[in-house]
Amino acid sequence: MNIVELKISPKDWLYIIIIGAFFGFFISLCFYFLSYDLQNISTIIFSTSTAIFISLFAFFLITISNKFILPKVKKKFWYLISFIFSFLSGFVGFSFSFLLFSFADLKILNIISPFWIYISITIGFLTFLVGLILHQFISMKYKNEEIKNQILETKLKALENELNPHFLFNALNSVSELIYQDQKKAENAVIQISKFLRNAINKESLITLETELSMVKTYVNIENVRFDEKIVLKIDDFEEFKDIKVPKFSIQLLVENAIKHGFIGAIININIKFDKNSIIVINDGKITTNPKFGTGLSNLQKRLELQKIGNLEFEIENEKMKFIIKIKDKF
C-alpha cells in the first residue's frame, strides 16, 4: 500500500530523534535555571535522555502502526489509531526513562516522583500534538515530491513523444523507397518496424539494458533492409549488466546517429561496448570533428540530465567516432 500519509523515511526519523534530543536539552536548561536544586548535570542528562527515549518509542510504535495496522483498517480510523500510538510514545517513553533513572539518586526525580504518572499522561498528549504537526509536515513534503516527480515524468514523456514521430518518419521514408524497388524487403521492413514500436510502447522511461539492446538490433534490421546489409552491428558481452536501467531509446539514438551521419555507401561497423561506468557506441564511418547535437542527441542529453543518470560525450579515437553515455553510478 503506497500512501503518502504512511511514509516516514529513516532520514525523517533521524531528524525527529535529533530534534527531540535538542528539545529535551533546552527543557533541561529551563529546569536548570529555574531552580537552584536542579542546577546539576543530572538534570540535563535525565531530560535529554527522556526526550531521546520518547523519540525512539515513537519510531518503534508509529512504524508498527504505519506498516502493519493502518494499511489494514479504514482511513476514517487512522486518526484514532495514530492518537493512541502517539500518546503511548510519550507516555511509555517518559515512564521508561523515569523508571530507568529511579535507581539513581537524582534531585529532579525526587521532585517529580509524587506525580510522575500525571506527567507521563500530559507528555502523552503533547506527543500526540507534536506528532500531528510532524504528520502534516511530512505529508506536505511527500506530496511536493510527488508533484515534482509528476512534472519530471511529464517532461520525459514529452521528450519521448518528440522521438517517436522522428523515428517513424525516417523508417517510413525507408519503406516508401523500397515499395517499388523490392516489395519483399518493404514487407520485411514493415514487420521490423511493428516489432520495434511494440517494444517502444513500454510506458516506462527507464528500461533494462537487455530490452534497449533488443530494440537496437531490431532498428539495425530495419535500416539494413534499406542499406543492403551494409550496417554491421557488434555488441560486446553484456550479461553482467543486462538488468541495469537506461533511458529508453538512448543507445538506439546513438546507433541511429552513427548511421545517419556516418554511412557513406560502404560497410559501416558499429560496436557497442561497456566500460566501467560508460556505454560506448563506436563507428568507423564518416568522421565529424564537431558533431551537432540535433533533435535526437539533444533529446538524449536532456533526458540524462532530468533523470540524473549522467551525461553524453563524444570522442574521436583511431579514426573512429565514439559517443559515450557516462553513468554516474558504476554498473
Protein backbone atom coordinates (compact mmCIF):
# COMPACT_ATOMS: atom_id res chain seq x y z
CA MET A 1 0.00 0.00 0.00
CA ASN A 2 1.78 3.11 -1.23
CA ILE A 3 0.12 6.00 0.58
CA VAL A 4 1.76 9.35 1.22
CA GLU A 5 0.37 9.65 4.76
CA LEU A 6 2.19 6.49 5.85
CA LYS A 7 5.61 7.41 4.53
CA ILE A 8 8.23 8.35 7.12
CA SER A 9 11.73 7.64 5.86
CA PRO A 10 14.67 6.62 8.12
CA LYS A 11 16.16 10.03 7.37
CA ASP A 12 12.98 11.71 8.66
CA TRP A 13 13.16 9.64 11.84
CA LEU A 14 16.80 10.57 12.36
CA TYR A 15 15.83 14.25 12.17
CA ILE A 16 12.95 13.66 14.59
CA ILE A 17 15.24 11.94 17.15
CA ILE A 18 17.87 14.70 16.85
CA ILE A 19 15.21 17.41 17.23
CA GLY A 20 13.79 15.51 20.22
CA ALA A 21 17.22 15.38 21.86
CA PHE A 22 17.72 19.15 21.40
CA PHE A 23 14.21 19.81 22.67
CA GLY A 24 14.90 17.77 25.82
CA PHE A 25 18.21 19.55 26.29
CA PHE A 26 16.63 23.02 26.13
CA ILE A 27 13.84 21.94 28.50
CA SER A 28 16.51 20.74 30.93
CA LEU A 29 18.16 24.17 30.75
CA CYS A 30 14.85 25.73 31.80
CA PHE A 31 14.74 23.43 34.85
CA TYR A 32 18.42 24.10 35.45
CA PHE A 33 18.00 27.86 35.73
CA LEU A 34 14.53 27.90 37.36
CA SER A 35 15.56 26.03 40.48
CA TYR A 36 18.81 26.09 42.41
CA ASP A 37 18.21 22.48 43.49
CA LEU A 38 18.21 21.34 39.87
CA GLN A 39 21.43 23.04 38.88
CA ASN A 40 23.45 19.90 38.24
CA ILE A 41 24.39 17.81 35.22
CA SER A 42 21.97 15.00 36.16
CA THR A 43 19.03 17.29 35.29
CA ILE A 44 20.35 17.76 31.77
CA ILE A 45 21.14 14.05 31.37
CA PHE A 46 17.67 12.97 32.54
CA SER A 47 15.74 15.48 30.39
CA THR A 48 17.78 14.86 27.25
CA SER A 49 17.63 11.06 27.71
CA THR A 50 13.87 11.23 28.27
CA ALA A 51 13.38 13.14 25.00
CA ILE A 52 15.50 10.56 23.14
CA PHE A 53 13.56 7.65 24.68
CA ILE A 54 10.26 9.27 23.68
CA SER A 55 11.54 9.71 20.10
CA LEU A 56 12.76 6.09 19.97
CA PHE A 57 9.46 4.75 21.27
CA ALA A 58 7.67 6.95 18.73
CA PHE A 59 9.86 5.46 15.98
CA PHE A 60 9.11 1.92 17.13
CA LEU A 61 5.37 2.27 17.78
CA ILE A 62 4.48 4.50 14.84
CA THR A 63 6.49 2.31 12.43
CA ILE A 64 4.50 -0.71 13.61
CA SER A 65 1.28 1.28 13.22
CA ASN A 66 2.12 2.52 9.72
CA LYS A 67 3.36 -0.83 8.40
CA PHE A 68 1.06 -3.37 9.99
CA ILE A 69 -2.09 -1.68 11.32
CA LEU A 70 -3.14 1.41 9.34
CA PRO A 71 -2.94 -0.30 5.91
CA LYS A 72 -5.45 -2.90 7.15
CA VAL A 73 -8.10 -0.55 8.55
CA LYS A 74 -10.36 2.05 7.02
CA LYS A 75 -8.92 5.53 6.68
CA LYS A 76 -11.58 7.05 8.96
CA PHE A 77 -9.98 5.19 11.89
CA TRP A 78 -6.45 6.39 11.16
CA TYR A 79 -6.52 9.45 13.42
CA LEU A 80 -7.87 7.43 16.34
CA ILE A 81 -5.17 4.75 15.96
CA SER A 82 -2.48 7.39 15.37
CA PHE A 83 -3.64 9.22 18.51
CA ILE A 84 -3.33 6.03 20.57
CA PHE A 85 0.17 5.20 19.30
CA SER A 86 1.41 8.80 19.53
CA PHE A 87 0.05 9.06 23.08
CA LEU A 88 1.72 5.77 24.02
CA SER A 89 5.02 7.03 22.60
CA GLY A 90 5.10 9.92 25.07
CA PHE A 91 3.55 8.05 27.99
CA VAL A 92 5.73 4.92 27.70
CA GLY A 93 8.85 6.91 26.76
CA PHE A 94 8.68 9.14 29.84
CA SER A 95 7.66 6.26 32.13
CA PHE A 96 10.55 4.12 30.88
CA SER A 97 13.03 6.95 31.44
CA PHE A 98 11.66 7.68 34.93
CA LEU A 99 11.82 4.03 35.98
CA LEU A 100 15.28 3.60 34.46
CA PHE A 101 16.73 6.58 36.34
CA SER A 102 14.75 5.87 39.53
CA PHE A 103 17.60 3.65 40.68
CA ALA A 104 19.84 6.70 40.78
CA ASP A 105 19.54 9.40 43.41
CA LEU A 106 18.63 12.35 41.17
CA LYS A 107 17.17 15.52 42.66
CA ILE A 108 14.84 16.04 39.72
CA LEU A 109 13.31 12.58 40.29
CA ASN A 110 12.74 13.35 43.95
CA ILE A 111 10.75 16.43 42.91
CA ILE A 112 8.60 14.78 40.23
CA SER A 113 8.18 11.29 41.73
CA PRO A 114 4.87 12.09 43.60
CA PHE A 115 3.11 12.95 40.32
CA TRP A 116 5.21 11.27 37.61
CA ILE A 117 2.19 9.37 36.29
CA TYR A 118 0.38 12.66 35.59
CA ILE A 119 3.46 13.99 33.84
CA SER A 120 3.53 10.82 31.70
CA ILE A 121 -0.11 11.35 30.70
CA THR A 122 0.50 15.03 29.92
CA ILE A 123 3.57 14.22 27.83
CA GLY A 124 1.50 11.58 26.02
CA PHE A 125 -0.98 14.26 24.91
CA LEU A 126 1.86 16.62 23.98
CA THR A 127 3.48 13.86 21.92
CA PHE A 128 0.23 13.43 20.01
CA LEU A 129 0.10 17.17 19.22
CA VAL A 130 3.75 17.17 18.10
CA GLY A 131 3.09 14.03 16.04
CA LEU A 132 0.12 15.71 14.39
CA ILE A 133 2.30 18.67 13.36
CA LEU A 134 5.06 16.34 12.09
CA HIS A 135 2.47 14.31 10.18
CA GLN A 136 1.29 17.43 8.35
CA PHE A 137 4.88 18.45 7.61
CA ILE A 138 5.90 15.01 6.28
CA SER A 139 2.67 14.69 4.30
CA MET A 140 3.32 18.05 2.61
CA LYS A 141 6.92 17.03 1.94
CA TYR A 142 5.94 13.83 0.14
CA LYS A 143 3.12 15.49 -1.75
CA ASN A 144 5.61 18.08 -3.02
CA GLU A 145 7.93 15.25 -4.05
CA GLU A 146 5.07 13.55 -5.88
CA ILE A 147 4.29 16.77 -7.74
CA LYS A 148 7.98 17.15 -8.70
CA ASN A 149 8.06 13.54 -9.90
CA GLN A 150 4.90 14.07 -11.96
CA ILE A 151 6.40 17.19 -13.55
CA LEU A 152 9.62 15.28 -14.29
CA GLU A 153 7.65 12.39 -15.79
CA THR A 154 5.67 14.82 -17.95
CA LYS A 155 8.89 16.37 -19.26
CA LEU A 156 10.35 12.95 -20.02
CA LYS A 157 7.20 11.81 -21.82
CA ALA A 158 7.23 15.00 -23.87
CA LEU A 159 10.82 14.28 -24.89
CA GLU A 160 9.99 10.65 -25.72
CA ASN A 161 6.95 11.71 -27.75
CA GLU A 162 9.27 14.01 -29.67
CA LEU A 163 11.36 10.96 -30.63
CA ASN A 164 8.59 8.62 -31.78
CA PRO A 165 7.50 10.71 -34.80
CA HIS A 166 11.19 11.40 -35.53
CA PHE A 167 11.96 7.67 -35.78
CA LEU A 168 8.72 6.77 -37.52
CA PHE A 169 9.20 9.44 -40.18
CA ASN A 170 12.69 8.13 -41.05
CA ALA A 171 11.56 4.49 -41.01
CA LEU A 172 8.53 5.10 -43.23
CA ASN A 173 10.72 7.03 -45.65
CA SER A 174 12.90 3.95 -45.90
CA VAL A 175 9.88 1.72 -46.59
CA SER A 176 8.46 4.11 -49.18
CA GLU A 177 11.72 3.92 -51.14
CA LEU A 178 11.52 0.12 -51.15
CA ILE A 179 7.88 -0.34 -52.17
CA TYR A 180 8.57 -0.02 -55.89
CA GLN A 181 12.10 -1.47 -55.73
CA ASP A 182 11.64 -4.64 -53.69
CA GLN A 183 8.24 -5.43 -52.21
CA LYS A 184 9.60 -8.34 -50.17
CA LYS A 185 12.11 -6.06 -48.48
CA ALA A 186 9.42 -3.44 -47.91
CA GLU A 187 7.21 -6.09 -46.27
CA ASN A 188 10.09 -7.22 -44.04
CA ALA A 189 10.79 -3.61 -43.08
CA VAL A 190 7.17 -3.07 -42.01
CA ILE A 191 7.33 -6.23 -39.84
CA GLN A 192 10.54 -4.97 -38.20
CA ILE A 193 9.01 -1.52 -37.62
CA SER A 194 5.99 -3.17 -36.00
CA LYS A 195 8.29 -5.19 -33.71
CA PHE A 196 10.26 -2.07 -32.79
CA LEU A 197 7.17 0.00 -31.99
CA ARG A 198 5.71 -2.85 -29.92
CA ASN A 199 8.73 -2.55 -27.62
CA ALA A 200 8.66 1.24 -27.79
CA ILE A 201 5.09 1.35 -26.45
CA ASN A 202 6.50 0.49 -23.00
CA LYS A 203 5.39 3.35 -20.72
CA GLU A 204 8.50 3.23 -18.56
CA SER A 205 11.10 5.95 -19.17
CA LEU A 206 13.84 3.62 -17.91
CA ILE A 207 14.13 0.13 -19.35
CA THR A 208 16.64 -2.68 -18.90
CA LEU A 209 19.81 -2.67 -20.97
CA GLU A 210 18.71 -6.02 -22.42
CA THR A 211 15.43 -4.52 -23.69
CA GLU A 212 17.17 -1.44 -25.10
CA LEU A 213 19.71 -3.57 -26.98
CA SER A 214 16.89 -5.73 -28.36
CA MET A 215 15.36 -2.53 -29.79
CA VAL A 216 18.76 -1.56 -31.22
CA LYS A 217 19.04 -4.91 -33.04
CA THR A 218 15.53 -4.51 -34.46
CA TYR A 219 16.33 -0.96 -35.56
CA VAL A 220 19.51 -2.07 -37.35
CA ASN A 221 17.50 -4.83 -39.09
CA ILE A 222 15.10 -2.14 -40.33
CA GLU A 223 17.94 0.01 -41.64
CA ASN A 224 19.69 -2.98 -43.23
CA VAL A 225 16.63 -3.56 -45.39
CA ARG A 226 17.28 -0.13 -46.82
CA PHE A 227 21.10 -0.29 -46.89
CA ASP A 228 21.53 -3.86 -48.21
CA GLU A 229 23.07 -5.33 -45.03
CA LYS A 230 25.91 -2.80 -45.06
CA ILE A 231 25.44 -1.99 -41.37
CA VAL A 232 27.40 -4.42 -39.21
CA LEU A 233 26.43 -4.31 -35.55
CA LYS A 234 28.61 -5.87 -32.85
CA ILE A 235 27.56 -5.84 -29.19
CA ASP A 236 30.08 -6.85 -26.53
CA ASP A 237 29.03 -9.30 -23.82
CA PHE A 238 26.56 -7.54 -21.51
CA GLU A 239 25.25 -10.45 -19.45
CA GLU A 240 26.63 -8.86 -16.27
CA PHE A 241 24.81 -5.59 -16.94
CA LYS A 242 21.62 -6.78 -18.66
CA ASP A 243 19.31 -5.73 -15.82
CA ILE A 244 20.64 -2.19 -15.30
CA LYS A 245 18.19 0.58 -16.25
CA VAL A 246 18.91 3.01 -19.08
CA PRO A 247 16.74 5.70 -20.73
CA LYS A 248 14.54 4.27 -23.47
CA PHE A 249 15.91 4.97 -27.00
CA SER A 250 19.29 6.03 -25.54
CA ILE A 251 21.61 3.54 -27.27
CA GLN A 252 19.27 3.31 -30.26
CA LEU A 253 19.65 7.05 -30.78
CA LEU A 254 23.44 6.79 -30.85
CA VAL A 255 23.27 3.94 -33.37
CA GLU A 256 20.80 5.92 -35.46
CA ASN A 257 23.10 8.94 -35.33
CA ALA A 258 26.07 6.79 -36.45
CA ILE A 259 24.12 5.54 -39.46
CA LYS A 260 22.62 8.89 -40.36
CA HIS A 261 25.89 10.86 -40.26
CA GLY A 262 28.50 8.12 -40.70
CA PHE A 263 27.19 5.95 -43.55
CA ILE A 264 28.85 6.85 -46.87
CA GLY A 265 27.88 3.87 -49.03
CA ALA A 266 30.44 1.35 -47.86
CA ILE A 267 30.06 -1.06 -44.96
CA ILE A 268 29.88 0.72 -41.60
CA ASN A 269 30.83 -1.15 -38.42
CA ILE A 270 29.08 -0.15 -35.22
CA ASN A 271 30.40 -1.55 -31.95
CA ILE A 272 28.64 -1.19 -28.57
CA LYS A 273 30.95 -1.60 -25.57
CA PHE A 274 30.61 -1.33 -21.80
CA ASP A 275 33.46 0.09 -19.76
CA LYS A 276 33.24 0.75 -16.01
CA ASN A 277 30.53 3.43 -15.81
CA SER A 278 30.16 4.00 -19.54
CA ILE A 279 28.16 2.76 -22.52
CA ILE A 280 30.23 3.39 -25.66
CA VAL A 281 28.96 3.37 -29.25
CA ILE A 282 31.79 3.37 -31.80
CA ASN A 283 31.51 3.58 -35.58
CA ASP A 284 34.10 3.65 -38.36
CA GLY A 285 32.03 5.74 -40.75
CA LYS A 286 32.42 9.35 -41.76
CA ILE A 287 34.31 11.44 -39.19
CA THR A 288 32.65 14.63 -37.97
CA THR A 289 35.11 16.75 -35.98
CA ASN A 290 32.38 18.85 -34.37
CA PRO A 291 29.09 16.91 -34.34
CA LYS A 292 26.00 18.99 -33.71
CA PHE A 293 23.53 17.85 -31.10
CA GLY A 294 20.36 17.88 -33.17
CA THR A 295 16.90 16.65 -32.17
CA GLY A 296 17.96 13.13 -31.16
CA LEU A 297 21.21 13.82 -29.32
CA SER A 298 19.90 16.96 -27.59
CA ASN A 299 16.86 14.96 -26.53
CA LEU A 300 19.05 12.23 -25.03
CA GLN A 301 21.24 14.77 -23.23
CA LYS A 302 18.16 16.39 -21.64
CA ARG A 303 16.76 13.04 -20.52
CA LEU A 304 20.07 12.00 -18.96
CA GLU A 305 20.13 15.30 -17.05
CA LEU A 306 16.47 15.13 -15.95
CA GLN A 307 16.84 11.57 -14.71
CA LYS A 308 20.18 12.42 -13.07
CA ILE A 309 21.79 9.41 -14.72
CA GLY A 310 24.82 11.00 -16.30
CA ASN A 311 25.75 12.85 -19.47
CA LEU A 312 26.56 12.37 -23.14
CA GLU A 313 30.09 12.82 -24.53
CA PHE A 314 31.87 12.18 -27.83
CA GLU A 315 35.46 11.49 -28.84
CA ILE A 316 37.44 10.70 -31.98
CA GLU A 317 39.89 7.86 -31.49
CA ASN A 318 41.85 5.89 -34.12
CA GLU A 319 39.77 7.42 -36.93
CA LYS A 320 36.55 6.30 -35.25
CA MET A 321 33.66 8.25 -33.75
CA LYS A 322 32.84 7.40 -30.14
CA PHE A 323 29.66 8.52 -28.39
CA ILE A 324 29.70 7.77 -24.68
CA ILE A 325 26.86 7.69 -22.16
CA LYS A 326 28.61 8.39 -18.86
CA ILE A 327 26.73 6.80 -15.96
CA LYS A 328 27.16 8.49 -12.56
CA ASP A 329 26.94 5.22 -10.62
CA LYS A 330 29.13 2.37 -11.78
CA PHE A 331 27.46 -0.76 -13.16
